[in-house]
Each structure stands twice: as C-alpha cells, then as structure tokens.
C-alpha cells in the first residue's frame, strides 16, 4: 500500500490507466493550514465584535448615546475585515481539501473540487513549465514550480507546488510523453515543415522569433540561461525567449541539440 494511502474516488489499481505508481497529496498547509487560519480569523472577528460592544456599552453608560456609534464603528470595520479573511481562508481549505494526483503506468489522475480528471499519455499535446528560483537579499530561498498541460481536446490543466513533490510528477509526465511528442516533431522538421513552439518557430531555414528570422548558418550559440532560451548570432544581435512561454521545451531542446548544439549553464 502506498503511503500516504490514496483516498477513495481515484481509479483503482490495474484500471484502464494501469498499475498505480505514486500518489501526490496536496500540501497540508493548503488545507489544514487554511482551516486553522480560518478559525483564528473567526475567533479574532468575534473578539473584535465583543470588544466593540463592550466599549460601546461602557461609553453609553458613561456618556449617553452620542458616542455609541463612534466607539462601535471601528470595531465593526475590523470585524468585517476579519470575516472576509475567514471566507478567503475557508475557501482555500475547501478547494484544496480533496486535491491530489495519482501517477499510473498509462497516465495520471488529478482531483480538484470539480472532481477527478484522467489524463492518458497519448492525450497530452503540450507541456509548459515555469520554474523560478527565489532569492531574498541575494540568498537562495527556494524554487517554485508550475506546469501547464494541454490535451488533444484543448483542455488545460495546471499543477503546482500545492502538490507534494510536484516536480517529480512533472518529470514522470515528461518522460512518458517525450517520445510521443518528439517523433512527429522530428519527422515534420525533416520534411522541411516549420515547427511552432509558442513564440519560437524552427525550420530548416533557421529560427524565427516573431518577424525576426535567424538562419542556421548565422547562429553562433544556442544556450539555456536563467530561465531564457538565448540565440547568439555571429555578426549581429541575437534573440531570446523566456522558457515558460515555450511549450514542449524538451522536444525543442532535443532538436536544437542535433541541429546546432546546445549550451546550458
């Protein structure tokens, strides 16, 4: 049995998705953490309201009704603000409570508040990834991960760090769909047809960035640096594209490696 155990509702082992490989639960901070915040905000709202009523009553007993509103209104504003935070945190707990993903041999299933969706490897048409290294005052503080998938029916799915070890899930997805995406792309390139990877188009003529085309013979170096794909030219200025804007980056890099080579740092 997998640890943690897979909640009810996901496809069973040996379903049409094959055997179960790994379960990726939602991080506790996104459900129990939000629930605790919601409770704390609610207690704060009740305390603020009680304090406002008490001070208003005390002022009324001492000075009469003229100052009742002035004593109560600030407390009501604070109470209303805290109740808004109660709703925000409560919604965060509710929407994440049953989230999770299960990796199978032939695909994966992901659960959200809308239910469970199955994604088979052959259904995945594109993958975008946005991986950002975070720094505070020059000190590395962590990395955020976000992956956006598109299937053959043009349905979109985003998975991120709300899931435990989402980078491992994304790596497994990319490994299983790479060959399915690379083979037709390589065949199309070899036939002389242009290949579009978001804002970048490649063909046997070269690389096209919007209206700018760089012939292969003018390419000095293609590199992957600090979240950007950069193309340097031998004689003039090159171009760059942010990695998060490029679908199926691994397929593009594999083709570029064979055509002109690729430098990473």
C-alpha atoms as a PDB file:
ATOM      1  CA  UNK A   1       0.000   0.000   0.000  1.00  0.00           C
ATOM      2  CA  UNK A   2       1.216   3.463  -0.850  1.00  0.00           C
ATOM      3  CA  UNK A   3       1.996   5.829   1.991  1.00  0.00           C
ATOM      4  CA  UNK A   4       0.032   8.021   2.293  1.00  0.00           C
ATOM      5  CA  UNK A   5      -2.898   5.877   1.210  1.00  0.00           C
ATOM      6  CA  UNK A   6      -4.815   7.001  -1.869  1.00  0.00           C
ATOM      7  CA  UNK A   7      -8.242   8.457  -0.994  1.00  0.00           C
ATOM      8  CA  UNK A   8     -11.375   6.895  -2.394  1.00  0.00           C
ATOM      9  CA  UNK A   9     -12.523   8.033  -5.802  1.00  0.00           C
ATOM     10  CA  UNK A  10      -9.320   7.694  -7.802  1.00  0.00           C
ATOM     11  CA  UNK A  11      -9.178   4.943 -10.457  1.00  0.00           C
ATOM     12  CA  UNK A  12      -8.274   1.622  -8.794  1.00  0.00           C
ATOM     13  CA  UNK A  13      -5.008  -0.217  -9.387  1.00  0.00           C
ATOM     14  CA  UNK A  14      -4.938  -2.003 -12.762  1.00  0.00           C
ATOM     15  CA  UNK A  15      -7.687   0.194 -14.163  1.00  0.00           C
ATOM     16  CA  UNK A  16      -7.504   1.377 -17.777  1.00  0.00           C
ATOM     17  CA  UNK A  17      -4.679   3.651 -16.570  1.00  0.00           C
ATOM     18  CA  UNK A  18      -2.653   0.621 -15.486  1.00  0.00           C
ATOM     19  CA  UNK A  19      -0.974  -0.057 -12.178  1.00  0.00           C
ATOM     20  CA  UNK A  20      -0.623   2.646  -9.542  1.00  0.00           C
ATOM     21  CA  UNK A  21       2.890   4.115  -9.331  1.00  0.00           C
ATOM     22  CA  UNK A  22       2.787   7.025  -6.848  1.00  0.00           C
ATOM     23  CA  UNK A  23       0.380   9.313  -5.002  1.00  0.00           C
ATOM     24  CA  UNK A  24       0.996  13.057  -4.703  1.00  0.00           C
ATOM     25  CA  UNK A  25      -1.181  14.587  -1.957  1.00  0.00           C
ATOM     26  CA  UNK A  26      -1.865  18.273  -1.514  1.00  0.00           C
ATOM     27  CA  UNK A  27       0.408  20.012   0.992  1.00  0.00           C
ATOM     28  CA  UNK A  28      -1.058  20.234   4.484  1.00  0.00           C
ATOM     29  CA  UNK A  29      -0.552  23.987   4.588  1.00  0.00           C
ATOM     30  CA  UNK A  30      -3.094  24.372   1.788  1.00  0.00           C
ATOM     31  CA  UNK A  31      -5.890  22.550   3.625  1.00  0.00           C
ATOM     32  CA  UNK A  32      -5.321  22.198   7.387  1.00  0.00           C
ATOM     33  CA  UNK A  33      -3.233  25.375   7.392  1.00  0.00           C
ATOM     34  CA  UNK A  34      -6.019  27.354   5.724  1.00  0.00           C
ATOM     35  CA  UNK A  35      -8.581  25.761   8.042  1.00  0.00           C
ATOM     36  CA  UNK A  36      -6.616  26.839  11.123  1.00  0.00           C
ATOM     37  CA  UNK A  37      -6.247  30.345   9.706  1.00  0.00           C
ATOM     38  CA  UNK A  38      -9.977  30.493   9.092  1.00  0.00           C
ATOM     39  CA  UNK A  39     -10.681  29.507  12.714  1.00  0.00           C
ATOM     40  CA  UNK A  40      -8.166  32.054  14.041  1.00  0.00           C
ATOM     41  CA  UNK A  41      -9.662  34.833  11.911  1.00  0.00           C
ATOM     42  CA  UNK A  42     -13.151  33.860  13.131  1.00  0.00           C
ATOM     43  CA  UNK A  43     -12.037  34.000  16.764  1.00  0.00           C
ATOM     44  CA  UNK A  44     -10.442  37.369  16.077  1.00  0.00           C
ATOM     45  CA  UNK A  45     -13.648  38.652  14.486  1.00  0.00           C
ATOM     46  CA  UNK A  46     -15.707  37.510  17.483  1.00  0.00           C
ATOM     47  CA  UNK A  47     -13.204  39.062  19.897  1.00  0.00           C
ATOM     48  CA  UNK A  48     -13.238  42.344  17.955  1.00  0.00           C
ATOM     49  CA  UNK A  49     -17.033  42.429  17.933  1.00  0.00           C
ATOM     50  CA  UNK A  50     -17.230  41.616  21.634  1.00  0.00           C
ATOM     51  CA  UNK A  51     -14.678  44.300  22.467  1.00  0.00           C
ATOM     52  CA  UNK A  52     -16.536  46.871  20.374  1.00  0.00           C
ATOM     53  CA  UNK A  53     -19.868  46.063  22.006  1.00  0.00           C
ATOM     54  CA  UNK A  54     -18.302  46.214  25.464  1.00  0.00           C
ATOM     55  CA  UNK A  55     -16.595  49.584  24.901  1.00  0.00           C
ATOM     56  CA  UNK A  56     -19.721  50.980  23.230  1.00  0.00           C
ATOM     57  CA  UNK A  57     -21.869  49.847  26.150  1.00  0.00           C
ATOM     58  CA  UNK A  58     -19.397  51.311  28.659  1.00  0.00           C
ATOM     59  CA  UNK A  59     -19.328  54.621  26.771  1.00  0.00           C
ATOM     60  CA  UNK A  60     -23.117  54.664  26.590  1.00  0.00           C
ATOM     61  CA  UNK A  61     -23.425  54.106  30.309  1.00  0.00           C
ATOM     62  CA  UNK A  62     -20.972  56.917  30.993  1.00  0.00           C
ATOM     63  CA  UNK A  63     -21.770  59.480  28.312  1.00  0.00           C
ATOM     64  CA  UNK A  64     -25.039  58.508  26.674  1.00  0.00           C
ATOM     65  CA  UNK A  65     -25.948  57.557  23.113  1.00  0.00           C
ATOM     66  CA  UNK A  66     -23.964  60.374  21.437  1.00  0.00           C
ATOM     67  CA  UNK A  67     -20.711  58.380  21.442  1.00  0.00           C
ATOM     68  CA  UNK A  68     -22.182  54.921  20.869  1.00  0.00           C
ATOM     69  CA  UNK A  69     -21.558  54.862  17.103  1.00  0.00           C
ATOM     70  CA  UNK A  70     -18.065  56.325  17.397  1.00  0.00           C
ATOM     71  CA  UNK A  71     -16.999  53.544  19.727  1.00  0.00           C
ATOM     72  CA  UNK A  72     -18.635  50.703  17.798  1.00  0.00           C
ATOM     73  CA  UNK A  73     -17.896  51.556  14.147  1.00  0.00           C
ATOM     74  CA  UNK A  74     -14.097  50.899  14.247  1.00  0.00           C
ATOM     75  CA  UNK A  75     -14.741  47.509  15.825  1.00  0.00           C
ATOM     76  CA  UNK A  76     -17.339  46.659  13.182  1.00  0.00           C
ATOM     77  CA  UNK A  77     -14.880  47.558  10.408  1.00  0.00           C
ATOM     78  CA  UNK A  78     -12.214  45.283  11.908  1.00  0.00           C
ATOM     79  CA  UNK A  79     -14.786  42.513  12.410  1.00  0.00           C
ATOM     80  CA  UNK A  80     -15.961  42.756   8.779  1.00  0.00           C
ATOM     81  CA  UNK A  81     -12.361  42.679   7.523  1.00  0.00           C
ATOM     82  CA  UNK A  82     -11.597  39.580   9.583  1.00  0.00           C
ATOM     83  CA  UNK A  83     -14.769  37.883   8.332  1.00  0.00           C
ATOM     84  CA  UNK A  84     -13.584  38.455   4.760  1.00  0.00           C
ATOM     85  CA  UNK A  85     -10.316  36.725   5.687  1.00  0.00           C
ATOM     86  CA  UNK A  86     -12.357  33.909   7.258  1.00  0.00           C
ATOM     87  CA  UNK A  87     -14.088  33.371   3.909  1.00  0.00           C
ATOM     88  CA  UNK A  88     -10.816  33.534   1.929  1.00  0.00           C
ATOM     89  CA  UNK A  89      -9.008  31.055   4.193  1.00  0.00           C
ATOM     90  CA  UNK A  90     -12.079  28.825   4.420  1.00  0.00           C
ATOM     91  CA  UNK A  91     -12.388  28.730   0.650  1.00  0.00           C
ATOM     92  CA  UNK A  92      -8.698  27.854   0.418  1.00  0.00           C
ATOM     93  CA  UNK A  93      -9.217  24.918   2.784  1.00  0.00           C
ATOM     94  CA  UNK A  94     -12.367  23.764   0.974  1.00  0.00           C
ATOM     95  CA  UNK A  95     -10.937  23.982  -2.544  1.00  0.00           C
ATOM     96  CA  UNK A  96      -7.736  22.132  -1.576  1.00  0.00           C
ATOM     97  CA  UNK A  97      -9.152  19.581   0.870  1.00  0.00           C
ATOM     98  CA  UNK A  98      -9.576  16.768  -1.674  1.00  0.00           C
ATOM     99  CA  UNK A  99      -6.860  17.802  -4.120  1.00  0.00           C
ATOM    100  CA  UNK A 100      -4.209  15.303  -5.126  1.00  0.00           C
ATOM    101  CA  UNK A 101      -2.807  13.378  -8.063  1.00  0.00           C
ATOM    102  CA  UNK A 102      -2.038   9.724  -8.721  1.00  0.00           C
ATOM    103  CA  UNK A 103       0.564   8.569 -11.217  1.00  0.00           C
ATOM    104  CA  UNK A 104      -0.236   5.384 -13.157  1.00  0.00           C
ATOM    105  CA  UNK A 105       1.544   3.372 -15.830  1.00  0.00           C
ATOM    106  CA  UNK A 106      -0.525   4.803 -18.675  1.00  0.00           C
ATOM    107  CA  UNK A 107      -1.287   8.283 -17.382  1.00  0.00           C
ATOM    108  CA  UNK A 108      -2.292  10.123 -14.258  1.00  0.00           C
ATOM    109  CA  UNK A 109      -5.416  11.307 -12.478  1.00  0.00           C
ATOM    110  CA  UNK A 110      -5.845  14.615 -10.698  1.00  0.00           C
ATOM    111  CA  UNK A 111      -8.548  15.597  -8.247  1.00  0.00           C
ATOM    112  CA  UNK A 112      -9.856  19.094  -7.596  1.00  0.00           C
ATOM    113  CA  UNK A 113     -13.076  20.451  -6.118  1.00  0.00           C
ATOM    114  CA  UNK A 114     -14.625  19.880  -9.560  1.00  0.00           C
ATOM    115  CA  UNK A 115     -13.952  16.142  -9.434  1.00  0.00           C
ATOM    116  CA  UNK A 116     -11.388  13.722 -10.874  1.00  0.00           C
ATOM    117  CA  UNK A 117      -9.910  14.022 -14.368  1.00  0.00           C
ATOM    118  CA  UNK A 118      -7.906  11.288 -16.056  1.00  0.00           C
ATOM    119  CA  UNK A 119      -5.038  12.198 -18.380  1.00  0.00           C
ATOM    120  CA  UNK A 120      -3.647   9.419 -20.545  1.00  0.00           C
ATOM    121  CA  UNK A 121      -0.167   9.855 -22.027  1.00  0.00           C
ATOM    122  CA  UNK A 122      -1.440   9.825 -25.609  1.00  0.00           C
ATOM    123  CA  UNK A 123      -3.934  12.611 -24.830  1.00  0.00           C
ATOM    124  CA  UNK A 124      -1.269  15.150 -23.808  1.00  0.00           C
ATOM    125  CA  UNK A 125      -0.458  17.578 -26.633  1.00  0.00           C
ATOM    126  CA  UNK A 126       1.718  20.177 -24.899  1.00  0.00           C
ATOM    127  CA  UNK A 127       3.503  20.925 -21.639  1.00  0.00           C
ATOM    128  CA  UNK A 128       4.706  24.318 -20.419  1.00  0.00           C
ATOM    129  CA  UNK A 129       6.832  24.722 -17.331  1.00  0.00           C
ATOM    130  CA  UNK A 130       7.570  27.748 -15.207  1.00  0.00           C
ATOM    131  CA  UNK A 131      10.337  27.044 -12.696  1.00  0.00           C
ATOM    132  CA  UNK A 132      11.564  30.031 -10.710  1.00  0.00           C
ATOM    133  CA  UNK A 133      14.428  30.158  -8.232  1.00  0.00           C
ATOM    134  CA  UNK A 134      13.622  32.577  -5.418  1.00  0.00           C
ATOM    135  CA  UNK A 135      16.222  34.841  -3.774  1.00  0.00           C
ATOM    136  CA  UNK A 136      15.895  37.205  -0.815  1.00  0.00           C
ATOM    137  CA  UNK A 137      18.731  39.701  -0.367  1.00  0.00           C
ATOM    138  CA  UNK A 138      20.876  37.502  -2.606  1.00  0.00           C
ATOM    139  CA  UNK A 139      20.211  34.348  -0.574  1.00  0.00           C
ATOM    140  CA  UNK A 140      18.502  31.390  -2.255  1.00  0.00           C
ATOM    141  CA  UNK A 141      15.179  30.698  -0.520  1.00  0.00           C
ATOM    142  CA  UNK A 142      13.608  28.023  -2.678  1.00  0.00           C
ATOM    143  CA  UNK A 143      12.188  27.145  -6.077  1.00  0.00           C
ATOM    144  CA  UNK A 144       8.589  27.403  -7.264  1.00  0.00           C
ATOM    145  CA  UNK A 145       7.173  25.038  -9.873  1.00  0.00           C
ATOM    146  CA  UNK A 146       4.201  25.437 -12.182  1.00  0.00           C
ATOM    147  CA  UNK A 147       3.344  23.150 -15.094  1.00  0.00           C
ATOM    148  CA  UNK A 148       0.551  23.731 -17.600  1.00  0.00           C
ATOM    149  CA  UNK A 149      -0.704  20.829 -19.713  1.00  0.00           C
ATOM    150  CA  UNK A 150      -2.895  20.899 -22.786  1.00  0.00           C
ATOM    151  CA  UNK A 151      -4.644  17.818 -24.161  1.00  0.00           C
ATOM    152  CA  UNK A 152      -5.920  16.914 -27.607  1.00  0.00           C
ATOM    153  CA  UNK A 153      -9.349  18.332 -26.727  1.00  0.00           C
ATOM    154  CA  UNK A 154      -7.742  21.713 -25.918  1.00  0.00           C
ATOM    155  CA  UNK A 155      -8.453  21.299 -22.197  1.00  0.00           C
ATOM    156  CA  UNK A 156      -5.963  22.907 -19.842  1.00  0.00           C
ATOM    157  CA  UNK A 157      -4.593  21.716 -16.503  1.00  0.00           C
ATOM    158  CA  UNK A 158      -2.152  23.463 -14.163  1.00  0.00           C
ATOM    159  CA  UNK A 159      -0.300  21.665 -11.380  1.00  0.00           C
ATOM    160  CA  UNK A 160       1.984  23.469  -8.971  1.00  0.00           C
ATOM    161  CA  UNK A 161       3.622  23.357  -5.553  1.00  0.00           C
ATOM    162  CA  UNK A 162       0.260  22.870  -3.876  1.00  0.00           C
ATOM    163  CA  UNK A 163       1.063  19.187  -4.532  1.00  0.00           C
ATOM    164  CA  UNK A 164       3.853  17.460  -2.634  1.00  0.00           C
ATOM    165  CA  UNK A 165       6.839  16.714  -4.930  1.00  0.00           C
ATOM    166  CA  UNK A 166       5.077  18.167  -7.967  1.00  0.00           C
ATOM    167  CA  UNK A 167       8.448  18.312  -9.765  1.00  0.00           C
ATOM    168  CA  UNK A 168       8.672  14.503  -9.590  1.00  0.00           C
ATOM    169  CA  UNK A 169       5.179  14.170 -11.031  1.00  0.00           C
ATOM    170  CA  UNK A 170       6.033  16.595 -13.846  1.00  0.00           C
ATOM    171  CA  UNK A 171       9.267  14.735 -14.590  1.00  0.00           C
ATOM    172  CA  UNK A 172       7.367  11.446 -14.863  1.00  0.00           C
ATOM    173  CA  UNK A 173       4.814  13.064 -17.190  1.00  0.00           C
ATOM    174  CA  UNK A 174       7.515  14.475 -19.450  1.00  0.00           C
ATOM    175  CA  UNK A 175       9.404  11.186 -19.591  1.00  0.00           C
ATOM    176  CA  UNK A 176       6.273   9.314 -20.633  1.00  0.00           C
ATOM    177  CA  UNK A 177       5.132  11.770 -23.307  1.00  0.00           C
ATOM    178  CA  UNK A 178       8.510  12.852 -24.715  1.00  0.00           C
ATOM    179  CA  UNK A 179       8.777  10.133 -27.366  1.00  0.00           C
ATOM    180  CA  UNK A 180       5.144  10.625 -28.415  1.00  0.00           C
ATOM    181  CA  UNK A 181       5.754  14.342 -28.949  1.00  0.00           C
ATOM    182  CA  UNK A 182       9.300  14.199 -30.287  1.00  0.00           C
ATOM    183  CA  UNK A 183       8.863  11.644 -33.069  1.00  0.00           C
ATOM    184  CA  UNK A 184       6.179  13.534 -35.071  1.00  0.00           C
ATOM    185  CA  UNK A 185       8.003  16.828 -34.451  1.00  0.00           C
ATOM    186  CA  UNK A 186      11.303  15.439 -35.759  1.00  0.00           C
ATOM    187  CA  UNK A 187       9.529  13.930 -38.756  1.00  0.00           C
ATOM    188  CA  UNK A 188       7.858  17.251 -39.530  1.00  0.00           C
ATOM    189  CA  UNK A 189      11.197  19.076 -39.278  1.00  0.00           C
ATOM    190  CA  UNK A 190      12.916  16.552 -41.549  1.00  0.00           C
ATOM    191  CA  UNK A 191      10.163  17.054 -44.118  1.00  0.00           C
ATOM    192  CA  UNK A 192      11.002  20.759 -44.230  1.00  0.00           C
ATOM    193  CA  UNK A 193       7.861  21.909 -42.445  1.00  0.00           C
ATOM    194  CA  UNK A 194       8.002  24.681 -39.806  1.00  0.00           C
ATOM    195  CA  UNK A 195       7.579  23.726 -36.158  1.00  0.00           C
ATOM    196  CA  UNK A 196       5.960  26.208 -33.774  1.00  0.00           C
ATOM    197  CA  UNK A 197       6.936  26.252 -30.105  1.00  0.00           C
ATOM    198  CA  UNK A 198       4.902  29.175 -28.840  1.00  0.00           C
ATOM    199  CA  UNK A 199       6.661  32.414 -29.870  1.00  0.00           C
ATOM    200  CA  UNK A 200       9.523  30.470 -31.498  1.00  0.00           C
ATOM    201  CA  UNK A 201       9.315  28.727 -34.877  1.00  0.00           C
ATOM    202  CA  UNK A 202      12.066  26.498 -36.267  1.00  0.00           C
ATOM    203  CA  UNK A 203      12.516  25.043 -39.711  1.00  0.00           C
ATOM    204  CA  UNK A 204      15.373  24.044 -41.979  1.00  0.00           C
ATOM    205  CA  UNK A 205      15.739  27.744 -42.780  1.00  0.00           C
ATOM    206  CA  UNK A 206      16.530  28.667 -39.182  1.00  0.00           C
ATOM    207  CA  UNK A 207      14.844  30.096 -36.095  1.00  0.00           C
ATOM    208  CA  UNK A 208      12.044  32.641 -36.257  1.00  0.00           C
ATOM    209  CA  UNK A 209      11.267  34.981 -33.338  1.00  0.00           C
ATOM    210  CA  UNK A 210       8.150  36.890 -34.357  1.00  0.00           C
ATOM    211  CA  UNK A 211       9.163  38.751 -37.522  1.00  0.00           C
ATOM    212  CA  UNK A 212      12.886  38.122 -36.978  1.00  0.00           C
ATOM    213  CA  UNK A 213      14.465  35.077 -38.623  1.00  0.00           C
ATOM    214  CA  UNK A 214      17.975  33.842 -37.830  1.00  0.00           C
ATOM    215  CA  UNK A 215      19.349  31.402 -40.442  1.00  0.00           C
ATOM    216  CA  UNK A 216      21.178  28.400 -39.010  1.00  0.00           C
ATOM    217  CA  UNK A 217      24.433  29.417 -40.640  1.00  0.00           C
ATOM    218  CA  UNK A 218      24.340  32.708 -38.697  1.00  0.00           C
ATOM    219  CA  UNK A 219      23.814  31.039 -35.320  1.00  0.00           C
ATOM    220  CA  UNK A 220      26.852  31.311 -33.084  1.00  0.00           C
ATOM    221  CA  UNK A 221      25.429  29.649 -29.978  1.00  0.00           C
ATOM    222  CA  UNK A 222      22.126  28.473 -28.510  1.00  0.00           C
ATOM    223  CA  UNK A 223      22.081  28.496 -24.731  1.00  0.00           C
ATOM    224  CA  UNK A 224      19.732  27.972 -21.832  1.00  0.00           C
ATOM    225  CA  UNK A 225      20.479  30.520 -19.110  1.00  0.00           C
ATOM    226  CA  UNK A 226      18.493  31.879 -16.182  1.00  0.00           C
ATOM    227  CA  UNK A 227      15.117  30.850 -17.490  1.00  0.00           C
ATOM    228  CA  UNK A 228      15.687  32.056 -21.052  1.00  0.00           C
ATOM    229  CA  UNK A 229      16.497  30.359 -24.338  1.00  0.00           C
ATOM    230  CA  UNK A 230      19.084  32.611 -25.969  1.00  0.00           C
ATOM    231  CA  UNK A 231      20.329  32.563 -29.545  1.00  0.00           C
ATOM    232  CA  UNK A 232      23.576  34.412 -30.248  1.00  0.00           C
ATOM    233  CA  UNK A 233      24.487  35.420 -33.813  1.00  0.00           C
ATOM    234  CA  UNK A 234      27.943  35.501 -35.354  1.00  0.00           C
ATOM    235  CA  UNK A 235      27.721  39.049 -36.665  1.00  0.00           C
ATOM    236  CA  UNK A 236      24.718  40.828 -35.125  1.00  0.00           C
ATOM    237  CA  UNK A 237      22.393  40.824 -32.174  1.00  0.00           C
ATOM    238  CA  UNK A 238      20.543  37.617 -31.370  1.00  0.00           C
ATOM    239  CA  UNK A 239      17.259  36.999 -29.572  1.00  0.00           C
ATOM    240  CA  UNK A 240      15.837  35.277 -26.509  1.00  0.00           C
ATOM    241  CA  UNK A 241      12.570  33.746 -25.332  1.00  0.00           C
ATOM    242  CA  UNK A 242      11.539  33.010 -21.722  1.00  0.00           C
ATOM    243  CA  UNK A 243      11.388  29.282 -21.118  1.00  0.00           C
ATOM    244  CA  UNK A 244       7.925  29.447 -19.530  1.00  0.00           C
ATOM    245  CA  UNK A 245       6.485  30.683 -22.840  1.00  0.00           C
ATOM    246  CA  UNK A 246       7.748  27.635 -24.780  1.00  0.00           C
ATOM    247  CA  UNK A 247       5.508  24.542 -24.938  1.00  0.00           C
ATOM    248  CA  UNK A 248       7.237  21.155 -25.162  1.00  0.00           C
ATOM    249  CA  UNK A 249      10.616  22.637 -24.285  1.00  0.00           C
ATOM    250  CA  UNK A 250      12.311  19.240 -24.045  1.00  0.00           C
ATOM    251  CA  UNK A 251      11.292  18.422 -27.616  1.00  0.00           C
ATOM    252  CA  UNK A 252      12.647  21.746 -28.865  1.00  0.00           C
ATOM    253  CA  UNK A 253      15.933  21.302 -26.974  1.00  0.00           C
ATOM    254  CA  UNK A 254      16.396  17.802 -28.378  1.00  0.00           C
ATOM    255  CA  UNK A 255      16.011  19.106 -31.948  1.00  0.00           C
ATOM    256  CA  UNK A 256      18.286  22.102 -31.323  1.00  0.00           C
ATOM    257  CA  UNK A 257      20.927  19.832 -29.819  1.00  0.00           C
ATOM    258  CA  UNK A 258      21.070  17.837 -33.039  1.00  0.00           C
ATOM    259  CA  UNK A 259      20.966  20.834 -35.370  1.00  0.00           C
ATOM    260  CA  UNK A 260      23.353  23.350 -33.766  1.00  0.00           C
ATOM    261  CA  UNK A 261      24.188  22.017 -30.311  1.00  0.00           C
ATOM    262  CA  UNK A 262      23.045  23.458 -27.006  1.00  0.00           C
ATOM    263  CA  UNK A 263      24.879  25.091 -24.141  1.00  0.00           C
ATOM    264  CA  UNK A 264      23.425  25.111 -20.642  1.00  0.00           C
ATOM    265  CA  UNK A 265      24.549  26.868 -17.500  1.00  0.00           C
END
